[in-house]
Amino acid sequence: QVTLAESGGGSVQDGGSLRLTCAATPFAVTRYCMAWFRQPPGKEREGVANIERDGSTTYAESVKGRFIISKDDTENALYLKMNNLKPEDTGMYYCAAKFAAVCPSQLSVTAFDFTGQGTQVTVSS
């Protein structure tokens, strides 16, 4: 059974940083497309970033230059380092997996096969 377990969320001040972790079982995160999504309060889930099998990355415009997606084959984990956080970054963050060699052309949650339960990020001004 595929499991994606997010952790690392919390409450920070405007300008602060957090690192989210997604532990994946029983597959290897380095073999497939992995991504992070978020759902702000009262809004639809939106794509944040994805990382291809070869390590290439794509980011939403709103997080470019502030967030970094990465993966670790030793830990079999996906990460999202978030810097210079803003109140509009508040939301539930989810990791997702697409069992394909390449990521979908658009960062849409409906195109992914599995998502986790999420971890809450709250940024106060």
Protein backbone atom coordinates (compact mmCIF):
# COMPACT_ATOMS: atom_id res chain seq x y z
CA GLN A 1 0.00 0.00 0.00
CA VAL A 2 1.41 3.38 -1.02
CA THR A 3 1.84 5.81 1.86
CA LEU A 4 2.93 9.46 1.73
CA ALA A 5 3.45 11.02 5.16
CA GLU A 6 4.07 14.76 5.39
CA SER A 7 5.68 16.48 8.37
CA GLY A 8 7.43 19.72 9.25
CA GLY A 9 4.55 22.16 9.12
CA GLY A 10 3.99 24.76 11.81
CA SER A 11 3.39 28.41 12.60
CA VAL A 12 5.97 31.05 11.67
CA GLN A 13 6.20 34.80 11.31
CA ASP A 14 6.25 36.63 7.99
CA GLY A 15 9.74 36.13 6.51
CA GLY A 16 10.39 32.89 8.36
CA SER A 17 11.39 29.47 7.02
CA LEU A 18 10.20 25.88 7.25
CA ARG A 19 11.24 22.58 5.71
CA LEU A 20 8.57 20.04 4.88
CA THR A 21 9.33 16.34 4.57
CA CYS A 22 7.37 13.63 2.81
CA ALA A 23 8.26 10.05 3.69
CA ALA A 24 7.24 7.59 1.00
CA THR A 25 6.66 3.83 1.14
CA PRO A 26 7.00 1.32 -0.45
CA PHE A 27 8.28 2.92 -3.68
CA ALA A 28 11.45 4.90 -4.44
CA VAL A 29 10.82 8.66 -4.80
CA THR A 30 13.73 8.95 -7.20
CA ARG A 31 12.02 6.74 -9.77
CA TYR A 32 8.91 8.84 -10.35
CA CYS A 33 7.50 12.34 -10.60
CA MET A 34 6.94 13.89 -7.16
CA ALA A 35 5.22 17.15 -6.27
CA TRP A 36 3.97 19.46 -3.56
CA PHE A 37 0.49 21.00 -3.54
CA ARG A 38 -1.18 23.34 -1.09
CA GLN A 39 -4.71 24.36 -0.22
CA PRO A 40 -5.17 27.84 1.25
CA PRO A 41 -8.19 28.35 3.54
CA GLY A 42 -11.39 28.53 1.50
CA LYS A 43 -9.59 27.94 -1.80
CA GLU A 44 -8.90 25.08 -4.17
CA ARG A 45 -5.76 22.98 -4.04
CA GLU A 46 -2.95 24.42 -6.15
CA GLY A 47 0.40 23.20 -7.40
CA VAL A 48 3.55 24.44 -5.71
CA ALA A 49 6.42 22.53 -7.32
CA ASN A 50 7.36 19.24 -8.91
CA ILE A 51 10.56 17.31 -9.44
CA GLU A 52 11.25 14.94 -12.31
CA ARG A 53 12.98 11.61 -12.19
CA ASP A 54 16.14 13.28 -13.51
CA GLY A 55 15.98 15.97 -10.82
CA SER A 56 14.73 18.85 -12.94
CA THR A 57 12.19 21.07 -11.20
CA THR A 58 9.21 23.29 -11.92
CA TYR A 59 7.74 25.92 -9.59
CA ALA A 60 4.57 27.95 -9.39
CA GLU A 61 5.26 31.62 -10.11
CA SER A 62 4.19 32.61 -6.61
CA VAL A 63 6.99 30.59 -4.96
CA LYS A 64 9.85 30.92 -7.46
CA GLY A 65 13.04 32.07 -5.79
CA ARG A 66 11.70 31.28 -2.30
CA PHE A 67 10.92 27.53 -2.27
CA ILE A 68 13.18 24.61 -3.17
CA ILE A 69 11.94 21.10 -3.89
CA SER A 70 14.38 18.21 -3.52
CA LYS A 71 14.52 14.48 -2.91
CA ASP A 72 16.86 12.09 -1.14
CA ASP A 73 17.26 8.48 -2.23
CA THR A 74 18.97 7.42 1.01
CA GLU A 75 16.09 8.66 3.15
CA ASN A 76 13.55 7.98 0.39
CA ALA A 77 12.00 11.34 1.11
CA LEU A 78 10.77 14.42 -0.69
CA TYR A 79 11.45 17.87 0.76
CA LEU A 80 10.19 21.41 0.36
CA LYS A 81 12.40 24.15 1.79
CA MET A 82 10.36 27.29 2.17
CA ASN A 83 12.13 30.61 2.73
CA ASN A 84 10.84 34.16 3.12
CA LEU A 85 7.38 32.85 3.92
CA LYS A 86 4.42 35.18 3.47
CA PRO A 87 0.92 35.11 4.98
CA GLU A 88 -0.45 34.07 1.57
CA ASP A 89 1.60 30.87 1.84
CA THR A 90 -0.70 29.72 4.65
CA GLY A 91 -2.47 26.44 3.93
CA MET A 92 -2.39 22.67 4.10
CA TYR A 93 0.56 21.26 2.18
CA TYR A 94 0.40 17.86 0.50
CA CYS A 95 2.96 15.76 -1.29
CA ALA A 96 1.95 13.71 -4.30
CA ALA A 97 3.33 10.99 -6.54
CA LYS A 98 2.77 10.27 -10.20
CA PHE A 99 3.85 6.77 -11.21
CA ALA A 100 5.29 7.85 -14.53
CA ALA A 101 8.73 8.57 -15.94
CA VAL A 102 7.88 12.26 -16.49
CA CYS A 103 5.72 14.78 -14.70
CA PRO A 104 2.42 15.95 -16.19
CA SER A 105 2.65 19.03 -18.40
CA GLN A 106 0.49 20.96 -15.93
CA LEU A 107 0.82 20.88 -12.16
CA SER A 108 -2.68 19.62 -11.41
CA VAL A 109 -3.49 17.40 -8.46
CA THR A 110 -5.94 15.39 -10.58
CA ALA A 111 -3.01 14.21 -12.71
CA PHE A 112 -1.27 12.54 -9.75
CA ASP A 113 -1.87 9.01 -8.50
CA PHE A 114 -1.37 9.40 -4.75
CA THR A 115 -1.41 12.23 -2.18
CA GLY A 116 -0.71 12.34 1.54
CA GLN A 117 -2.82 13.61 4.43
CA GLY A 118 -1.09 16.98 4.54
CA THR A 119 0.72 19.19 7.03
CA GLN A 120 -0.49 22.66 8.09
CA VAL A 121 1.60 25.77 7.46
CA THR A 122 0.51 29.04 9.04
CA VAL A 123 2.34 32.32 8.39
CA SER A 124 1.36 35.33 10.46
CA SER A 125 2.10 38.95 9.68
